[in-house]
Amino acid sequence: MFQISIILYAIVVVIGYLWMRKKMKVTYNSNGPLYKHINRFHLMGELIIVAVSLIALFYTRLVLEWRWEAYQDLILVLAFLHAFRSVVERRFNKESKQHLLSAYTSVSSLLLFLGVELLV
């Protein structure tokens, strides 16, 4: 039942994301299938967030021996990454409205984290 609810939640989030993208006419200006960073600050900020989160995850699992099966923390890291991405896109690239989609993804990831954390 838990897996079915996660799958349904993912479907609702993807449909909402595509609907928002179509409704607000958000442009996707990346030349490839991967995300393109806005500038060097954006790239370095995301790398720092990933490095700090990996160090924190390894420290809590290997040194403190705490929460070995806590895959929910990766969802929280993704929420922080999308929140940072949304702030940087709003600051440096406001006209593309891509920051709204990043904020939507961040809130969706945070809600998924809270749901998994509270229900499991």
PDB file of N, CA and C in Angstrom:
ATOM      1  N   MET A   1       0.817  -1.197   0.000  1.00  0.00           N
ATOM      2  CA  MET A   1       0.000   0.000   0.000  1.00  0.00           C
ATOM      3  C   MET A   1       0.866   1.269   0.000  1.00  0.00           C
ATOM      4  N   PHE A   2       1.980   1.192   0.735  1.00  0.00           N
ATOM      5  CA  PHE A   2       2.867   2.350   0.809  1.00  0.00           C
ATOM      6  C   PHE A   2       3.481   2.657  -0.555  1.00  0.00           C
ATOM      7  N   GLN A   3       3.910   1.614  -1.276  1.00  0.00           N
ATOM      8  CA  GLN A   3       4.511   1.830  -2.589  1.00  0.00           C
ATOM      9  C   GLN A   3       3.496   2.403  -3.572  1.00  0.00           C
ATOM     10  N   ILE A   4       2.269   1.939  -3.486  1.00  0.00           N
ATOM     11  CA  ILE A   4       1.224   2.446  -4.377  1.00  0.00           C
ATOM     12  C   ILE A   4       0.971   3.926  -4.107  1.00  0.00           C
ATOM     13  N   SER A   5       0.949   4.311  -2.839  1.00  0.00           N
ATOM     14  CA  SER A   5       0.718   5.723  -2.524  1.00  0.00           C
ATOM     15  C   SER A   5       1.884   6.595  -2.990  1.00  0.00           C
ATOM     16  N   ILE A   6       3.116   6.092  -2.900  1.00  0.00           N
ATOM     17  CA  ILE A   6       4.275   6.850  -3.395  1.00  0.00           C
ATOM     18  C   ILE A   6       4.194   7.001  -4.912  1.00  0.00           C
ATOM     19  N   ILE A   7       3.818   5.938  -5.603  1.00  0.00           N
ATOM     20  CA  ILE A   7       3.688   5.996  -7.063  1.00  0.00           C
ATOM     21  C   ILE A   7       2.589   6.975  -7.465  1.00  0.00           C
ATOM     22  N   LEU A   8       1.452   6.939  -6.781  1.00  0.00           N
ATOM     23  CA  LEU A   8       0.376   7.877  -7.083  1.00  0.00           C
ATOM     24  C   LEU A   8       0.796   9.319  -6.804  1.00  0.00           C
ATOM     25  N   TYR A   9       1.518   9.522  -5.724  1.00  0.00           N
ATOM     26  CA  TYR A   9       2.017  10.865  -5.415  1.00  0.00           C
ATOM     27  C   TYR A   9       2.960  11.353  -6.511  1.00  0.00           C
ATOM     28  N   ALA A  10       3.841  10.483  -6.975  1.00  0.00           N
ATOM     29  CA  ALA A  10       4.773  10.855  -8.042  1.00  0.00           C
ATOM     30  C   ALA A  10       4.023  11.199  -9.326  1.00  0.00           C
ATOM     31  N   ILE A  11       2.990  10.441  -9.643  1.00  0.00           N
ATOM     32  CA  ILE A  11       2.193  10.721 -10.842  1.00  0.00           C
ATOM     33  C   ILE A  11       1.512  12.080 -10.728  1.00  0.00           C
ATOM     34  N   VAL A  12       0.943  12.375  -9.559  1.00  0.00           N
ATOM     35  CA  VAL A  12       0.276  13.665  -9.354  1.00  0.00           C
ATOM     36  C   VAL A  12       1.274  14.817  -9.466  1.00  0.00           C
ATOM     37  N   VAL A  13       2.473  14.644  -8.903  1.00  0.00           N
ATOM     38  CA  VAL A  13       3.493  15.698  -8.965  1.00  0.00           C
ATOM     39  C   VAL A  13       3.937  15.931 -10.406  1.00  0.00           C
ATOM     40  N   VAL A  14       4.157  14.869 -11.164  1.00  0.00           N
ATOM     41  CA  VAL A  14       4.591  15.019 -12.560  1.00  0.00           C
ATOM     42  C   VAL A  14       3.499  15.676 -13.395  1.00  0.00           C
ATOM     43  N   ILE A  15       2.257  15.275 -13.200  1.00  0.00           N
ATOM     44  CA  ILE A  15       1.155  15.889 -13.945  1.00  0.00           C
ATOM     45  C   ILE A  15       1.026  17.369 -13.577  1.00  0.00           C
ATOM     46  N   GLY A  16       1.148  17.694 -12.291  1.00  0.00           N
ATOM     47  CA  GLY A  16       1.102  19.094 -11.860  1.00  0.00           C
ATOM     48  C   GLY A  16       2.243  19.908 -12.440  1.00  0.00           C
ATOM     49  N   TYR A  17       3.433  19.308 -12.483  1.00  0.00           N
ATOM     50  CA  TYR A  17       4.608  19.980 -13.050  1.00  0.00           C
ATOM     51  C   TYR A  17       4.386  20.279 -14.527  1.00  0.00           C
ATOM     52  N   LEU A  18       3.925  19.288 -15.283  1.00  0.00           N
ATOM     53  CA  LEU A  18       3.692  19.490 -16.716  1.00  0.00           C
ATOM     54  C   LEU A  18       2.568  20.485 -16.964  1.00  0.00           C
ATOM     55  N   TRP A  19       1.528  20.449 -16.126  1.00  0.00           N
ATOM     56  CA  TRP A  19       0.424  21.387 -16.274  1.00  0.00           C
ATOM     57  C   TRP A  19       0.895  22.815 -16.012  1.00  0.00           C
ATOM     58  N   MET A  20       1.681  23.003 -14.939  1.00  0.00           N
ATOM     59  CA  MET A  20       2.193  24.348 -14.636  1.00  0.00           C
ATOM     60  C   MET A  20       3.098  24.850 -15.752  1.00  0.00           C
ATOM     61  N   ARG A  21       3.910  23.959 -16.289  1.00  0.00           N
ATOM     62  CA  ARG A  21       4.831  24.341 -17.360  1.00  0.00           C
ATOM     63  C   ARG A  21       4.068  24.789 -18.607  1.00  0.00           C
ATOM     64  N   LYS A  22       2.984  24.074 -18.910  1.00  0.00           N
ATOM     65  CA  LYS A  22       2.189  24.428 -20.084  1.00  0.00           C
ATOM     66  C   LYS A  22       1.354  25.682 -19.825  1.00  0.00           C
ATOM     67  N   LYS A  23       0.761  25.776 -18.651  1.00  0.00           N
ATOM     68  CA  LYS A  23      -0.134  26.887 -18.337  1.00  0.00           C
ATOM     69  C   LYS A  23       0.610  28.223 -18.266  1.00  0.00           C
ATOM     70  N   MET A  24       1.808  28.221 -17.677  1.00  0.00           N
ATOM     71  CA  MET A  24       2.570  29.458 -17.532  1.00  0.00           C
ATOM     72  C   MET A  24       3.532  29.701 -18.685  1.00  0.00           C
ATOM     73  N   LYS A  25       3.559  28.786 -19.642  1.00  0.00           N
ATOM     74  CA  LYS A  25       4.422  28.902 -20.825  1.00  0.00           C
ATOM     75  C   LYS A  25       5.881  29.114 -20.427  1.00  0.00           C
ATOM     76  N   VAL A  26       6.366  28.206 -19.598  1.00  0.00           N
ATOM     77  CA  VAL A  26       7.740  28.280 -19.120  1.00  0.00           C
ATOM     78  C   VAL A  26       8.655  27.722 -20.191  1.00  0.00           C
ATOM     79  N   THR A  27       9.703  28.470 -20.501  1.00  0.00           N
ATOM     80  CA  THR A  27      10.662  28.005 -21.497  1.00  0.00           C
ATOM     81  C   THR A  27      11.714  27.137 -20.829  1.00  0.00           C
ATOM     82  N   TYR A  28      12.162  26.154 -21.560  1.00  0.00           N
ATOM     83  CA  TYR A  28      13.219  25.262 -21.083  1.00  0.00           C
ATOM     84  C   TYR A  28      14.393  25.452 -22.014  1.00  0.00           C
ATOM     85  N   ASN A  29      15.370  26.235 -21.585  1.00  0.00           N
ATOM     86  CA  ASN A  29      16.450  26.655 -22.474  1.00  0.00           C
ATOM     87  C   ASN A  29      17.734  25.869 -22.250  1.00  0.00           C
ATOM     88  N   SER A  30      17.635  24.579 -22.079  1.00  0.00           N
ATOM     89  CA  SER A  30      18.820  23.737 -21.968  1.00  0.00           C
ATOM     90  C   SER A  30      19.001  23.014 -23.297  1.00  0.00           C
ATOM     91  N   ASN A  31      20.231  22.932 -23.763  1.00  0.00           N
ATOM     92  CA  ASN A  31      20.488  22.306 -25.054  1.00  0.00           C
ATOM     93  C   ASN A  31      20.454  20.789 -24.984  1.00  0.00           C
ATOM     94  N   GLY A  32      20.673  20.226 -23.830  1.00  0.00           N
ATOM     95  CA  GLY A  32      20.712  18.778 -23.674  1.00  0.00           C
ATOM     96  C   GLY A  32      19.618  18.297 -22.743  1.00  0.00           C
ATOM     97  N   PRO A  33      19.632  17.009 -22.443  1.00  0.00           N
ATOM     98  CA  PRO A  33      18.602  16.460 -21.558  1.00  0.00           C
ATOM     99  C   PRO A  33      18.832  16.808 -20.089  1.00  0.00           C
ATOM    100  N   LEU A  34      20.055  17.211 -19.727  1.00  0.00           N
ATOM    101  CA  LEU A  34      20.360  17.538 -18.346  1.00  0.00           C
ATOM    102  C   LEU A  34      20.131  19.017 -18.069  1.00  0.00           C
ATOM    103  N   TYR A  35      20.043  19.329 -16.801  1.00  0.00           N
ATOM    104  CA  TYR A  35      19.812  20.705 -16.385  1.00  0.00           C
ATOM    105  C   TYR A  35      21.055  21.556 -16.628  1.00  0.00           C
ATOM    106  N   LYS A  36      20.856  22.756 -17.103  1.00  0.00           N
ATOM    107  CA  LYS A  36      21.960  23.680 -17.360  1.00  0.00           C
ATOM    108  C   LYS A  36      21.969  24.739 -16.253  1.00  0.00           C
ATOM    109  N   HIS A  37      23.117  24.923 -15.619  1.00  0.00           N
ATOM    110  CA  HIS A  37      23.233  25.914 -14.558  1.00  0.00           C
ATOM    111  C   HIS A  37      23.215  27.321 -15.138  1.00  0.00           C
ATOM    112  N   ILE A  38      22.733  28.257 -14.347  1.00  0.00           N
ATOM    113  CA  ILE A  38      22.618  29.632 -14.811  1.00  0.00           C
ATOM    114  C   ILE A  38      23.984  30.298 -14.902  1.00  0.00           C
ATOM    115  N   ASN A  39      24.755  30.180 -13.838  1.00  0.00           N
ATOM    116  CA  ASN A  39      26.091  30.778 -13.818  1.00  0.00           C
ATOM    117  C   ASN A  39      26.982  29.957 -12.883  1.00  0.00           C
ATOM    118  N   ARG A  40      28.186  30.425 -12.682  1.00  0.00           N
ATOM    119  CA  ARG A  40      29.158  29.687 -11.856  1.00  0.00           C
ATOM    120  C   ARG A  40      28.742  29.644 -10.387  1.00  0.00           C
ATOM    121  N   PHE A  41      28.115  30.716  -9.899  1.00  0.00           N
ATOM    122  CA  PHE A  41      27.624  30.733  -8.519  1.00  0.00           C
ATOM    123  C   PHE A  41      26.611  29.619  -8.289  1.00  0.00           C
ATOM    124  N   HIS A  42      25.734  29.436  -9.239  1.00  0.00           N
ATOM    125  CA  HIS A  42      24.723  28.388  -9.158  1.00  0.00           C
ATOM    126  C   HIS A  42      25.379  27.006  -9.124  1.00  0.00           C
ATOM    127  N   LEU A  43      26.340  26.792  -9.985  1.00  0.00           N
ATOM    128  CA  LEU A  43      27.048  25.510 -10.033  1.00  0.00           C
ATOM    129  C   LEU A  43      27.784  25.230  -8.726  1.00  0.00           C
ATOM    130  N   MET A  44      28.533  26.205  -8.244  1.00  0.00           N
ATOM    131  CA  MET A  44      29.302  26.008  -7.010  1.00  0.00           C
ATOM    132  C   MET A  44      28.387  25.846  -5.800  1.00  0.00           C
ATOM    133  N   GLY A  45      27.291  26.579  -5.763  1.00  0.00           N
ATOM    134  CA  GLY A  45      26.343  26.443  -4.651  1.00  0.00           C
ATOM    135  C   GLY A  45      25.739  25.053  -4.583  1.00  0.00           C
ATOM    136  N   GLU A  46      25.341  24.511  -5.729  1.00  0.00           N
ATOM    137  CA  GLU A  46      24.782  23.162  -5.737  1.00  0.00           C
ATOM    138  C   GLU A  46      25.833  22.120  -5.384  1.00  0.00           C
ATOM    139  N   LEU A  47      27.060  22.309  -5.843  1.00  0.00           N
ATOM    140  CA  LEU A  47      28.123  21.368  -5.474  1.00  0.00           C
ATOM    141  C   LEU A  47      28.405  21.401  -3.975  1.00  0.00           C
ATOM    142  N   ILE A  48      28.371  22.578  -3.381  1.00  0.00           N
ATOM    143  CA  ILE A  48      28.584  22.689  -1.935  1.00  0.00           C
ATOM    144  C   ILE A  48      27.450  22.017  -1.169  1.00  0.00           C
ATOM    145  N   ILE A  49      26.212  22.221  -1.604  1.00  0.00           N
ATOM    146  CA  ILE A  49      25.075  21.577  -0.936  1.00  0.00           C
ATOM    147  C   ILE A  49      25.186  20.064  -1.026  1.00  0.00           C
ATOM    148  N   VAL A  50      25.547  19.549  -2.189  1.00  0.00           N
ATOM    149  CA  VAL A  50      25.695  18.099  -2.353  1.00  0.00           C
ATOM    150  C   VAL A  50      26.827  17.570  -1.485  1.00  0.00           C
ATOM    151  N   ALA A  51      27.962  18.271  -1.459  1.00  0.00           N
ATOM    152  CA  ALA A  51      29.102  17.806  -0.661  1.00  0.00           C
ATOM    153  C   ALA A  51      28.776  17.807   0.827  1.00  0.00           C
ATOM    154  N   VAL A  52      28.170  18.876   1.317  1.00  0.00           N
ATOM    155  CA  VAL A  52      27.823  18.949   2.739  1.00  0.00           C
ATOM    156  C   VAL A  52      26.796  17.882   3.100  1.00  0.00           C
ATOM    157  N   SER A  53      25.820  17.666   2.237  1.00  0.00           N
ATOM    158  CA  SER A  53      24.804  16.657   2.539  1.00  0.00           C
ATOM    159  C   SER A  53      25.388  15.247   2.509  1.00  0.00           C
ATOM    160  N   LEU A  54      26.295  14.965   1.582  1.00  0.00           N
ATOM    161  CA  LEU A  54      26.928  13.643   1.566  1.00  0.00           C
ATOM    162  C   LEU A  54      27.780  13.411   2.808  1.00  0.00           C
ATOM    163  N   ILE A  55      28.512  14.427   3.221  1.00  0.00           N
ATOM    164  CA  ILE A  55      29.305  14.303   4.447  1.00  0.00           C
ATOM    165  C   ILE A  55      28.389  14.076   5.647  1.00  0.00           C
ATOM    166  N   ALA A  56      27.285  14.814   5.718  1.00  0.00           N
ATOM    167  CA  ALA A  56      26.350  14.647   6.832  1.00  0.00           C
ATOM    168  C   ALA A  56      25.709  13.262   6.812  1.00  0.00           C
ATOM    169  N   LEU A  57      25.341  12.771   5.626  1.00  0.00           N
ATOM    170  CA  LEU A  57      24.733  11.441   5.537  1.00  0.00           C
ATOM    171  C   LEU A  57      25.709  10.356   5.962  1.00  0.00           C
ATOM    172  N   PHE A  58      26.935  10.422   5.477  1.00  0.00           N
ATOM    173  CA  PHE A  58      27.927   9.420   5.864  1.00  0.00           C
ATOM    174  C   PHE A  58      28.269   9.518   7.346  1.00  0.00           C
ATOM    175  N   TYR A  59      28.345  10.720   7.877  1.00  0.00           N
ATOM    176  CA  TYR A  59      28.665  10.892   9.295  1.00  0.00           C
ATOM    177  C   TYR A  59      27.570  10.300  10.178  1.00  0.00           C
ATOM    178  N   THR A  60      26.315  10.586   9.840  1.00  0.00           N
ATOM    179  CA  THR A  60      25.231  10.067  10.679  1.00  0.00           C
ATOM    180  C   THR A  60      25.098   8.562  10.577  1.00  0.00           C
ATOM    181  N   ARG A  61      25.468   7.993   9.454  1.00  0.00           N
ATOM    182  CA  ARG A  61      25.325   6.553   9.301  1.00  0.00           C
ATOM    183  C   ARG A  61      26.542   5.778   9.793  1.00  0.00           C
ATOM    184  N   LEU A  62      27.731   6.237   9.482  1.00  0.00           N
ATOM    185  CA  LEU A  62      28.930   5.470   9.809  1.00  0.00           C
ATOM    186  C   LEU A  62      29.504   5.807  11.180  1.00  0.00           C
ATOM    187  N   VAL A  63      29.508   7.069  11.549  1.00  0.00           N
ATOM    188  CA  VAL A  63      30.096   7.451  12.831  1.00  0.00           C
ATOM    189  C   VAL A  63      29.080   7.313  13.960  1.00  0.00           C
ATOM    190  N   LEU A  64      27.913   7.872  13.770  1.00  0.00           N
ATOM    191  CA  LEU A  64      26.898   7.820  14.819  1.00  0.00           C
ATOM    192  C   LEU A  64      26.080   6.534  14.789  1.00  0.00           C
ATOM    193  N   GLU A  65      26.165   5.785  13.689  1.00  0.00           N
ATOM    194  CA  GLU A  65      25.376   4.564  13.476  1.00  0.00           C
ATOM    195  C   GLU A  65      23.889   4.835  13.724  1.00  0.00           C
ATOM    196  N   TRP A  66      23.408   5.831  13.038  1.00  0.00           N
ATOM    197  CA  TRP A  66      22.054   6.313  13.245  1.00  0.00           C
ATOM    198  C   TRP A  66      21.298   6.268  11.922  1.00  0.00           C
ATOM    199  N   ARG A  67      20.125   5.689  11.926  1.00  0.00           N
ATOM    200  CA  ARG A  67      19.220   5.652  10.770  1.00  0.00           C
ATOM    201  C   ARG A  67      19.871   5.024   9.542  1.00  0.00           C
ATOM    202  N   TRP A  68      20.170   3.772   9.620  1.00  0.00           N
ATOM    203  CA  TRP A  68      20.805   3.091   8.488  1.00  0.00           C
ATOM    204  C   TRP A  68      19.892   2.993   7.278  1.00  0.00           C
ATOM    205  N   GLU A  69      18.614   2.783   7.490  1.00  0.00           N
ATOM    206  CA  GLU A  69      17.710   2.594   6.354  1.00  0.00           C
ATOM    207  C   GLU A  69      16.928   3.866   6.027  1.00  0.00           C
ATOM    208  N   ALA A  70      17.463   4.997   6.343  1.00  0.00           N
ATOM    209  CA  ALA A  70      16.757   6.261   6.147  1.00  0.00           C
ATOM    210  C   ALA A  70      17.019   6.811   4.750  1.00  0.00           C
ATOM    211  N   TYR A  71      16.310   6.298   3.783  1.00  0.00           N
ATOM    212  CA  TYR A  71      16.414   6.797   2.413  1.00  0.00           C
ATOM    213  C   TYR A  71      15.678   8.118   2.252  1.00  0.00           C
ATOM    214  N   GLN A  72      14.888   8.492   3.257  1.00  0.00           N
ATOM    215  CA  GLN A  72      14.135   9.735   3.176  1.00  0.00           C
ATOM    216  C   GLN A  72      15.049  10.956   3.152  1.00  0.00           C
ATOM    217  N   ASP A  73      16.243  10.819   3.694  1.00  0.00           N
ATOM    218  CA  ASP A  73      17.153  11.962   3.735  1.00  0.00           C
ATOM    219  C   ASP A  73      17.569  12.412   2.339  1.00  0.00           C
ATOM    220  N   LEU A  74      17.620  11.496   1.405  1.00  0.00           N
ATOM    221  CA  LEU A  74      17.939  11.875   0.023  1.00  0.00           C
ATOM    222  C   LEU A  74      16.833  12.736  -0.575  1.00  0.00           C
ATOM    223  N   ILE A  75      15.591  12.455  -0.192  1.00  0.00           N
ATOM    224  CA  ILE A  75      14.476  13.286  -0.648  1.00  0.00           C
ATOM    225  C   ILE A  75      14.623  14.696  -0.090  1.00  0.00           C
ATOM    226  N   LEU A  76      15.060  14.807   1.159  1.00  0.00           N
ATOM    227  CA  LEU A  76      15.267  16.115   1.775  1.00  0.00           C
ATOM    228  C   LEU A  76      16.395  16.881   1.085  1.00  0.00           C
ATOM    229  N   VAL A  77      17.454  16.188   0.711  1.00  0.00           N
ATOM    230  CA  VAL A  77      18.557  16.834  -0.011  1.00  0.00           C
ATOM    231  C   VAL A  77      18.064  17.362  -1.359  1.00  0.00           C
ATOM    232  N   LEU A  78      17.248  16.577  -2.052  1.00  0.00           N
ATOM    233  CA  LEU A  78      16.690  17.051  -3.324  1.00  0.00           C
ATOM    234  C   LEU A  78      15.799  18.272  -3.123  1.00  0.00           C
ATOM    235  N   ALA A  79      15.050  18.300  -2.028  1.00  0.00           N
ATOM    236  CA  ALA A  79      14.218  19.471  -1.737  1.00  0.00           C
ATOM    237  C   ALA A  79      15.081  20.708  -1.521  1.00  0.00           C
ATOM    238  N   PHE A  80      16.202  20.562  -0.786  1.00  0.00           N
ATOM    239  CA  PHE A  80      17.105  21.696  -0.589  1.00  0.00           C
ATOM    240  C   PHE A  80      17.733  22.142  -1.903  1.00  0.00           C
ATOM    241  N   LEU A  81      18.105  21.187  -2.744  1.00  0.00           N
ATOM    242  CA  LEU A  81      18.696  21.551  -4.035  1.00  0.00           C
ATOM    243  C   LEU A  81      17.715  22.338  -4.897  1.00  0.00           C
ATOM    244  N   HIS A  82      16.474  21.885  -4.939  1.00  0.00           N
ATOM    245  CA  HIS A  82      15.482  22.598  -5.742  1.00  0.00           C
ATOM    246  C   HIS A  82      15.147  23.959  -5.134  1.00  0.00           C
ATOM    247  N   ALA A  83      15.155  24.070  -3.813  1.00  0.00           N
ATOM    248  CA  ALA A  83      14.912  25.371  -3.187  1.00  0.00           C
ATOM    249  C   ALA A  83      16.034  26.349  -3.534  1.00  0.00           C
ATOM    250  N   PHE A  84      17.283  25.887  -3.465  1.00  0.00           N
ATOM    251  CA  PHE A  84      18.410  26.745  -3.839  1.00  0.00           C
ATOM    252  C   PHE A  84      18.325  27.127  -5.313  1.00  0.00           C
ATOM    253  N   ARG A  85      17.979  26.161  -6.139  1.00  0.00           N
ATOM    254  CA  ARG A  85      17.848  26.424  -7.573  1.00  0.00           C
ATOM    255  C   ARG A  85      16.765  27.466  -7.836  1.00  0.00           C
ATOM    256  N   SER A  86      15.667  27.373  -7.108  1.00  0.00           N
ATOM    257  CA  SER A  86      14.578  28.323  -7.285  1.00  0.00           C
ATOM    258  C   SER A  86      14.999  29.738  -6.898  1.00  0.00           C
ATOM    259  N   VAL A  87      15.727  29.859  -5.788  1.00  0.00           N
ATOM    260  CA  VAL A  87      16.185  31.183  -5.350  1.00  0.00           C
ATOM    261  C   VAL A  87      17.161  31.785  -6.360  1.00  0.00           C
ATOM    262  N   VAL A  88      18.092  30.981  -6.845  1.00  0.00           N
ATOM    263  CA  VAL A  88      19.080  31.491  -7.802  1.00  0.00           C
ATOM    264  C   VAL A  88      18.408  31.838  -9.128  1.00  0.00           C
ATOM    265  N   GLU A  89      17.482  31.016  -9.587  1.00  0.00           N
ATOM    266  CA  GLU A  89      16.783  31.318 -10.839  1.00  0.00           C
ATOM    267  C   GLU A  89      15.944  32.577 -10.700  1.00  0.00           C
ATOM    268  N   ARG A  90      15.333  32.772  -9.554  1.00  0.00           N
ATOM    269  CA  ARG A  90      14.540  33.985  -9.344  1.00  0.00           C
ATOM    270  C   ARG A  90      15.438  35.217  -9.348  1.00  0.00           C
ATOM    271  N   ARG A  91      16.605  35.073  -8.779  1.00  0.00           N
ATOM    272  CA  ARG A  91      17.527  36.212  -8.673  1.00  0.00           C
ATOM    273  C   ARG A  91      18.163  36.577 -10.017  1.00  0.00           C
ATOM    274  N   PHE A  92      18.604  35.572 -10.772  1.00  0.00           N
ATOM    275  CA  PHE A  92      19.398  35.846 -11.971  1.00  0.00           C
ATOM    276  C   PHE A  92      18.645  35.657 -13.288  1.00  0.00           C
ATOM    277  N   ASN A  93      17.549  34.912 -13.278  1.00  0.00           N
ATOM    278  CA  ASN A  93      16.869  34.607 -14.536  1.00  0.00           C
ATOM    279  C   ASN A  93      15.359  34.653 -14.323  1.00  0.00           C
ATOM    280  N   LYS A  94      14.864  35.811 -13.911  1.00  0.00           N
ATOM    281  CA  LYS A  94      13.465  35.942 -13.524  1.00  0.00           C
ATOM    282  C   LYS A  94      12.499  35.828 -14.702  1.00  0.00           C
ATOM    283  N   GLU A  95      12.919  36.254 -15.877  1.00  0.00           N
ATOM    284  CA  GLU A  95      11.985  36.322 -17.010  1.00  0.00           C
ATOM    285  C   GLU A  95      11.582  34.953 -17.549  1.00  0.00           C
ATOM    286  N   SER A  96      12.339  33.897 -17.257  1.00  0.00           N
ATOM    287  CA  SER A  96      11.997  32.580 -17.804  1.00  0.00           C
ATOM    288  C   SER A  96      10.927  31.862 -16.992  1.00  0.00           C
ATOM    289  N   LYS A  97      10.655  32.299 -15.782  1.00  0.00           N
ATOM    290  CA  LYS A  97       9.669  31.700 -14.880  1.00  0.00           C
ATOM    291  C   LYS A  97      10.000  30.258 -14.500  1.00  0.00           C
ATOM    292  N   GLN A  98      11.220  29.840 -14.751  1.00  0.00           N
ATOM    293  CA  GLN A  98      11.648  28.488 -14.381  1.00  0.00           C
ATOM    294  C   GLN A  98      11.697  28.337 -12.862  1.00  0.00           C
ATOM    295  N   HIS A  99      11.872  29.449 -12.152  1.00  0.00           N
ATOM    296  CA  HIS A  99      11.959  29.387 -10.692  1.00  0.00           C
ATOM    297  C   HIS A  99      10.658  28.905 -10.061  1.00  0.00           C
ATOM    298  N   LEU A 100       9.538  29.140 -10.720  1.00  0.00           N
ATOM    299  CA  LEU A 100       8.264  28.662 -10.186  1.00  0.00           C
ATOM    300  C   LEU A 100       8.189  27.139 -10.217  1.00  0.00           C
ATOM    301  N   LEU A 101       8.699  26.544 -11.284  1.00  0.00           N
ATOM    302  CA  LEU A 101       8.715  25.083 -11.362  1.00  0.00           C
ATOM    303  C   LEU A 101       9.682  24.484 -10.350  1.00  0.00           C
ATOM    304  N   SER A 102      10.802  25.138 -10.135  1.00  0.00           N
ATOM    305  CA  SER A 102      11.751  24.650  -9.135  1.00  0.00           C
ATOM    306  C   SER A 102      11.163  24.759  -7.732  1.00  0.00           C
ATOM    307  N   ALA A 103      10.446  25.836  -7.463  1.00  0.00           N
ATOM    308  CA  ALA A 103       9.800  25.984  -6.157  1.00  0.00           C
ATOM    309  C   ALA A 103       8.716  24.924  -5.972  1.00  0.00           C
ATOM    310  N   TYR A 104       7.954  24.643  -7.023  1.00  0.00           N
ATOM    311  CA  TYR A 104       6.932  23.594  -6.957  1.00  0.00           C
ATOM    312  C   TYR A 104       7.566  22.237  -6.664  1.00  0.00           C
ATOM    313  N   THR A 105       8.669  21.935  -7.323  1.00  0.00           N
ATOM    314  CA  THR A 105       9.354  20.666  -7.096  1.00  0.00           C
ATOM    315  C   THR A 105       9.928  20.604  -5.688  1.00  0.00           C
ATOM    316  N   SER A 106      10.430  21.715  -5.189  1.00  0.00           N
ATOM    317  CA  SER A 106      10.971  21.749  -3.831  1.00  0.00           C
ATOM    318  C   SER A 106       9.882  21.494  -2.794  1.00  0.00           C
ATOM    319  N   VAL A 107       8.760  22.152  -2.943  1.00  0.00           N
ATOM    320  CA  VAL A 107       7.654  21.953  -2.000  1.00  0.00           C
ATOM    321  C   VAL A 107       7.118  20.529  -2.101  1.00  0.00           C
ATOM    322  N   SER A 108       7.024  19.998  -3.306  1.00  0.00           N
ATOM    323  CA  SER A 108       6.557  18.621  -3.478  1.00  0.00           C
ATOM    324  C   SER A 108       7.510  17.627  -2.826  1.00  0.00           C
ATOM    325  N   SER A 109       8.808  17.846  -2.979  1.00  0.00           N
ATOM    326  CA  SER A 109       9.788  16.959  -2.346  1.00  0.00           C
ATOM    327  C   SER A 109       9.730  17.070  -0.832  1.00  0.00           C
ATOM    328  N   LEU A 110       9.531  18.278  -0.329  1.00  0.00           N
ATOM    329  CA  LEU A 110       9.428  18.459   1.117  1.00  0.00           C
ATOM    330  C   LEU A 110       8.181  17.778   1.670  1.00  0.00           C
ATOM    331  N   LEU A 111       7.068  17.881   0.958  1.00  0.00           N
ATOM    332  CA  LEU A 111       5.852  17.189   1.390  1.00  0.00           C
ATOM    333  C   LEU A 111       6.019  15.677   1.336  1.00  0.00           C
ATOM    334  N   LEU A 112       6.711  15.185   0.319  1.00  0.00           N
ATOM    335  CA  LEU A 112       6.989  13.754   0.241  1.00  0.00           C
ATOM    336  C   LEU A 112       7.860  13.314   1.408  1.00  0.00           C
ATOM    337  N   PHE A 113       8.873  14.102   1.738  1.00  0.00           N
ATOM    338  CA  PHE A 113       9.739  13.780   2.876  1.00  0.00           C
ATOM    339  C   PHE A 113       8.939  13.732   4.173  1.00  0.00           C
ATOM    340  N   LEU A 114       8.105  14.746   4.395  1.00  0.00           N
ATOM    341  CA  LEU A 114       7.316  14.773   5.624  1.00  0.00           C
ATOM    342  C   LEU A 114       6.331  13.616   5.682  1.00  0.00           C
ATOM    343  N   GLY A 115       5.710  13.294   4.553  1.00  0.00           N
ATOM    344  CA  GLY A 115       4.782  12.170   4.527  1.00  0.00           C
ATOM    345  C   GLY A 115       5.461  10.850   4.812  1.00  0.00           C
ATOM    346  N   VAL A 116       6.603  10.629   4.208  1.00  0.00           N
ATOM    347  CA  VAL A 116       7.334   9.378   4.432  1.00  0.00           C
ATOM    348  C   VAL A 116       7.857   9.319   5.860  1.00  0.00           C
ATOM    349  N   GLU A 117       8.335  10.439   6.365  1.00  0.00           N
ATOM    350  CA  GLU A 117       8.897  10.475   7.719  1.00  0.00           C
ATOM    351  C   GLU A 117       7.817  10.247   8.776  1.00  0.00           C
ATOM    352  N   LEU A 118       6.644  10.784   8.551  1.00  0.00           N
ATOM    353  CA  LEU A 118       5.581  10.646   9.543  1.00  0.00           C
ATOM    354  C   LEU A 118       4.840   9.315   9.446  1.00  0.00           C
ATOM    355  N   LEU A 119       4.745   8.761   8.253  1.00  0.00           N
ATOM    356  CA  LEU A 119       3.946   7.550   8.074  1.00  0.00           C
ATOM    357  C   LEU A 119       4.744   6.267   8.168  1.00  0.00           C
ATOM    358  N   VAL A 120       6.057   6.351   8.088  1.00  0.00           N
ATOM    359  CA  VAL A 120       6.862   5.122   8.145  1.00  0.00           C
ATOM    360  C   VAL A 120       7.468   4.964   9.508  1.00  0.00           C
TER     361      VAL A 120
END
